[in-house]
Amino acid sequence: MITELIDVFNEDRVLTGEVLPRNDIHKRGLWHRAIVVAIINEKNEILLQ
């Protein structure tokens, strides 16, 4: 399994130098950058996220 590593930021949007797996960042509630993309059809159904 490939683990996605993500840069950690502080509340001022400054890199902390810490790089952690996505799960750890979410468990600890740390700041990080993210992009969410969803493809939705004409029935308002999410086809891909």
PDB file of N, CA and C in Angstrom:
ATOM      1  N   MET A   1       0.835  -1.184   0.000  1.00  0.00           N
ATOM      2  CA  MET A   1       0.000   0.000   0.000  1.00  0.00           C
ATOM      3  C   MET A   1       0.882   1.250   0.000  1.00  0.00           C
ATOM      4  N   ILE A   2       0.560   2.186  -0.856  1.00  0.00           N
ATOM      5  CA  ILE A   2       1.312   3.438  -0.947  1.00  0.00           C
ATOM      6  C   ILE A   2       0.692   4.447   0.015  1.00  0.00           C
ATOM      7  N   THR A   3       1.527   5.050   0.847  1.00  0.00           N
ATOM      8  CA  THR A   3       1.066   6.056   1.805  1.00  0.00           C
ATOM      9  C   THR A   3       1.351   7.437   1.254  1.00  0.00           C
ATOM     10  N   GLU A   4       0.328   8.273   1.217  1.00  0.00           N
ATOM     11  CA  GLU A   4       0.495   9.642   0.743  1.00  0.00           C
ATOM     12  C   GLU A   4       1.068  10.489   1.879  1.00  0.00           C
ATOM     13  N   LEU A   5       2.197  11.106   1.618  1.00  0.00           N
ATOM     14  CA  LEU A   5       2.828  11.977   2.609  1.00  0.00           C
ATOM     15  C   LEU A   5       2.474  13.427   2.298  1.00  0.00           C
ATOM     16  N   ILE A   6       2.132  14.179   3.338  1.00  0.00           N
ATOM     17  CA  ILE A   6       1.642  15.547   3.161  1.00  0.00           C
ATOM     18  C   ILE A   6       2.412  16.495   4.076  1.00  0.00           C
ATOM     19  N   ASP A   7       2.723  17.681   3.550  1.00  0.00           N
ATOM     20  CA  ASP A   7       3.376  18.727   4.337  1.00  0.00           C
ATOM     21  C   ASP A   7       2.407  19.283   5.371  1.00  0.00           C
ATOM     22  N   VAL A   8       2.907  19.542   6.563  1.00  0.00           N
ATOM     23  CA  VAL A   8       2.108  20.111   7.647  1.00  0.00           C
ATOM     24  C   VAL A   8       2.388  21.611   7.725  1.00  0.00           C
ATOM     25  N   PHE A   9       1.321  22.397   7.918  1.00  0.00           N
ATOM     26  CA  PHE A   9       1.403  23.843   8.053  1.00  0.00           C
ATOM     27  C   PHE A   9       0.940  24.239   9.445  1.00  0.00           C
ATOM     28  N   ASN A  10       1.331  25.437   9.888  1.00  0.00           N
ATOM     29  CA  ASN A  10       0.766  25.956  11.133  1.00  0.00           C
ATOM     30  C   ASN A  10      -0.449  26.816  10.784  1.00  0.00           C
ATOM     31  N   GLU A  11      -1.085  27.392  11.800  1.00  0.00           N
ATOM     32  CA  GLU A  11      -2.308  28.171  11.563  1.00  0.00           C
ATOM     33  C   GLU A  11      -2.060  29.452  10.767  1.00  0.00           C
ATOM     34  N   ASP A  12      -0.790  29.853  10.631  1.00  0.00           N
ATOM     35  CA  ASP A  12      -0.439  31.023   9.814  1.00  0.00           C
ATOM     36  C   ASP A  12      -0.053  30.640   8.390  1.00  0.00           C
ATOM     37  N   ARG A  13      -0.313  29.389   8.021  1.00  0.00           N
ATOM     38  CA  ARG A  13      -0.015  28.849   6.677  1.00  0.00           C
ATOM     39  C   ARG A  13       1.477  28.791   6.374  1.00  0.00           C
ATOM     40  N   VAL A  14       2.271  28.565   7.405  1.00  0.00           N
ATOM     41  CA  VAL A  14       3.715  28.434   7.246  1.00  0.00           C
ATOM     42  C   VAL A  14       4.078  26.961   7.427  1.00  0.00           C
ATOM     43  N   LEU A  15       4.902  26.441   6.518  1.00  0.00           N
ATOM     44  CA  LEU A  15       5.334  25.049   6.626  1.00  0.00           C
ATOM     45  C   LEU A  15       6.063  24.822   7.942  1.00  0.00           C
ATOM     46  N   THR A  16       5.759  23.694   8.595  1.00  0.00           N
ATOM     47  CA  THR A  16       6.424  23.367   9.858  1.00  0.00           C
ATOM     48  C   THR A  16       7.681  22.535   9.636  1.00  0.00           C
ATOM     49  N   GLY A  17       7.831  21.981   8.440  1.00  0.00           N
ATOM     50  CA  GLY A  17       8.951  21.091   8.166  1.00  0.00           C
ATOM     51  C   GLY A  17       8.590  19.632   8.417  1.00  0.00           C
ATOM     52  N   GLU A  18       7.425  19.411   8.983  1.00  0.00           N
ATOM     53  CA  GLU A  18       6.953  18.065   9.272  1.00  0.00           C
ATOM     54  C   GLU A  18       6.204  17.526   8.054  1.00  0.00           C
ATOM     55  N   VAL A  19       6.459  16.273   7.706  1.00  0.00           N
ATOM     56  CA  VAL A  19       5.774  15.601   6.608  1.00  0.00           C
ATOM     57  C   VAL A  19       5.229  14.295   7.173  1.00  0.00           C
ATOM     58  N   LEU A  20       3.910  14.131   7.105  1.00  0.00           N
ATOM     59  CA  LEU A  20       3.263  12.980   7.729  1.00  0.00           C
ATOM     60  C   LEU A  20       2.295  12.303   6.772  1.00  0.00           C
ATOM     61  N   PRO A  21       1.974  11.039   7.042  1.00  0.00           N
ATOM     62  CA  PRO A  21       0.942  10.363   6.251  1.00  0.00           C
ATOM     63  C   PRO A  21      -0.419  11.043   6.452  1.00  0.00           C
ATOM     64  N   ARG A  22      -1.242  10.989   5.433  1.00  0.00           N
ATOM     65  CA  ARG A  22      -2.574  11.614   5.453  1.00  0.00           C
ATOM     66  C   ARG A  22      -3.372  11.206   6.704  1.00  0.00           C
ATOM     67  N   ASN A  23      -3.376   9.921   7.032  1.00  0.00           N
ATOM     68  CA  ASN A  23      -4.151   9.452   8.180  1.00  0.00           C
ATOM     69  C   ASN A  23      -3.707  10.123   9.478  1.00  0.00           C
ATOM     70  N   ASP A  24      -2.406  10.277   9.669  1.00  0.00           N
ATOM     71  CA  ASP A  24      -1.895  10.911  10.884  1.00  0.00           C
ATOM     72  C   ASP A  24      -2.317  12.379  10.960  1.00  0.00           C
ATOM     73  N   ILE A  25      -2.253  13.060   9.826  1.00  0.00           N
ATOM     74  CA  ILE A  25      -2.646  14.472   9.783  1.00  0.00           C
ATOM     75  C   ILE A  25      -4.111  14.624  10.169  1.00  0.00           C
ATOM     76  N   HIS A  26      -4.970  13.776   9.617  1.00  0.00           N
ATOM     77  CA  HIS A  26      -6.397  13.872   9.922  1.00  0.00           C
ATOM     78  C   HIS A  26      -6.692  13.467  11.360  1.00  0.00           C
ATOM     79  N   LYS A  27      -6.038  12.433  11.861  1.00  0.00           N
ATOM     80  CA  LYS A  27      -6.247  12.008  13.248  1.00  0.00           C
ATOM     81  C   LYS A  27      -5.865  13.111  14.235  1.00  0.00           C
ATOM     82  N   ARG A  28      -4.787  13.817  13.936  1.00  0.00           N
ATOM     83  CA  ARG A  28      -4.277  14.856  14.838  1.00  0.00           C
ATOM     84  C   ARG A  28      -4.878  16.238  14.572  1.00  0.00           C
ATOM     85  N   GLY A  29      -5.672  16.356  13.506  1.00  0.00           N
ATOM     86  CA  GLY A  29      -6.321  17.622  13.181  1.00  0.00           C
ATOM     87  C   GLY A  29      -5.351  18.711  12.774  1.00  0.00           C
ATOM     88  N   LEU A  30      -4.285  18.327  12.062  1.00  0.00           N
ATOM     89  CA  LEU A  30      -3.264  19.287  11.664  1.00  0.00           C
ATOM     90  C   LEU A  30      -3.653  20.013  10.379  1.00  0.00           C
ATOM     91  N   TRP A  31      -3.092  21.212  10.215  1.00  0.00           N
ATOM     92  CA  TRP A  31      -3.320  22.012   9.011  1.00  0.00           C
ATOM     93  C   TRP A  31      -2.538  21.421   7.847  1.00  0.00           C
ATOM     94  N   HIS A  32      -3.175  21.387   6.668  1.00  0.00           N
ATOM     95  CA  HIS A  32      -2.523  20.904   5.453  1.00  0.00           C
ATOM     96  C   HIS A  32      -3.294  21.429   4.252  1.00  0.00           C
ATOM     97  N   ARG A  33      -2.657  21.397   3.124  1.00  0.00           N
ATOM     98  CA  ARG A  33      -3.322  21.807   1.885  1.00  0.00           C
ATOM     99  C   ARG A  33      -4.004  20.600   1.276  1.00  0.00           C
ATOM    100  N   ALA A  34      -5.146  20.858   0.668  1.00  0.00           N
ATOM    101  CA  ALA A  34      -5.882  19.770   0.027  1.00  0.00           C
ATOM    102  C   ALA A  34      -6.676  20.327  -1.149  1.00  0.00           C
ATOM    103  N   ILE A  35      -6.898  19.470  -2.109  1.00  0.00           N
ATOM    104  CA  ILE A  35      -7.747  19.795  -3.255  1.00  0.00           C
ATOM    105  C   ILE A  35      -8.761  18.679  -3.380  1.00  0.00           C
ATOM    106  N   VAL A  36     -10.014  19.054  -3.525  1.00  0.00           N
ATOM    107  CA  VAL A  36     -11.075  18.066  -3.707  1.00  0.00           C
ATOM    108  C   VAL A  36     -11.704  18.306  -5.072  1.00  0.00           C
ATOM    109  N   VAL A  37     -11.804  17.253  -5.860  1.00  0.00           N
ATOM    110  CA  VAL A  37     -12.408  17.330  -7.184  1.00  0.00           C
ATOM    111  C   VAL A  37     -13.500  16.275  -7.258  1.00  0.00           C
ATOM    112  N   ALA A  38     -14.667  16.668  -7.721  1.00  0.00           N
ATOM    113  CA  ALA A  38     -15.765  15.715  -7.883  1.00  0.00           C
ATOM    114  C   ALA A  38     -16.363  15.885  -9.266  1.00  0.00           C
ATOM    115  N   ILE A  39     -16.703  14.778  -9.889  1.00  0.00           N
ATOM    116  CA  ILE A  39     -17.410  14.798 -11.170  1.00  0.00           C
ATOM    117  C   ILE A  39     -18.850  14.426 -10.872  1.00  0.00           C
ATOM    118  N   ILE A  40     -19.773  15.330 -11.240  1.00  0.00           N
ATOM    119  CA  ILE A  40     -21.186  15.156 -10.930  1.00  0.00           C
ATOM    120  C   ILE A  40     -21.968  15.147 -12.235  1.00  0.00           C
ATOM    121  N   ASN A  41     -22.904  14.200 -12.345  1.00  0.00           N
ATOM    122  CA  ASN A  41     -23.704  14.127 -13.577  1.00  0.00           C
ATOM    123  C   ASN A  41     -24.940  15.021 -13.483  1.00  0.00           C
ATOM    124  N   GLU A  42     -25.768  14.994 -14.538  1.00  0.00           N
ATOM    125  CA  GLU A  42     -26.938  15.865 -14.601  1.00  0.00           C
ATOM    126  C   GLU A  42     -27.998  15.519 -13.548  1.00  0.00           C
ATOM    127  N   LYS A  43     -27.894  14.343 -12.926  1.00  0.00           N
ATOM    128  CA  LYS A  43     -28.819  13.939 -11.855  1.00  0.00           C
ATOM    129  C   LYS A  43     -28.276  14.330 -10.475  1.00  0.00           C
ATOM    130  N   ASN A  44     -27.182  15.096 -10.468  1.00  0.00           N
ATOM    131  CA  ASN A  44     -26.524  15.538  -9.226  1.00  0.00           C
ATOM    132  C   ASN A  44     -25.930  14.382  -8.445  1.00  0.00           C
ATOM    133  N   GLU A  45     -25.543  13.323  -9.153  1.00  0.00           N
ATOM    134  CA  GLU A  45     -24.888  12.165  -8.527  1.00  0.00           C
ATOM    135  C   GLU A  45     -23.386  12.310  -8.675  1.00  0.00           C
ATOM    136  N   ILE A  46     -22.663  12.001  -7.600  1.00  0.00           N
ATOM    137  CA  ILE A  46     -21.196  12.053  -7.657  1.00  0.00           C
ATOM    138  C   ILE A  46     -20.705  10.787  -8.349  1.00  0.00           C
ATOM    139  N   LEU A  47     -20.018  10.962  -9.478  1.00  0.00           N
ATOM    140  CA  LEU A  47     -19.506   9.842 -10.257  1.00  0.00           C
ATOM    141  C   LEU A  47     -18.093   9.481  -9.854  1.00  0.00           C
ATOM    142  N   LEU A  48     -17.305  10.476  -9.461  1.00  0.00           N
ATOM    143  CA  LEU A  48     -15.920  10.273  -9.108  1.00  0.00           C
ATOM    144  C   LEU A  48     -15.500  11.366  -8.144  1.00  0.00           C
ATOM    145  N   GLN A  49     -14.811  10.971  -7.082  1.00  0.00           N
ATOM    146  CA  GLN A  49     -14.336  11.961  -6.124  1.00  0.00           C
ATOM    147  C   GLN A  49     -12.857  11.743  -5.880  1.00  0.00           C
TER     148      GLN A  49
END
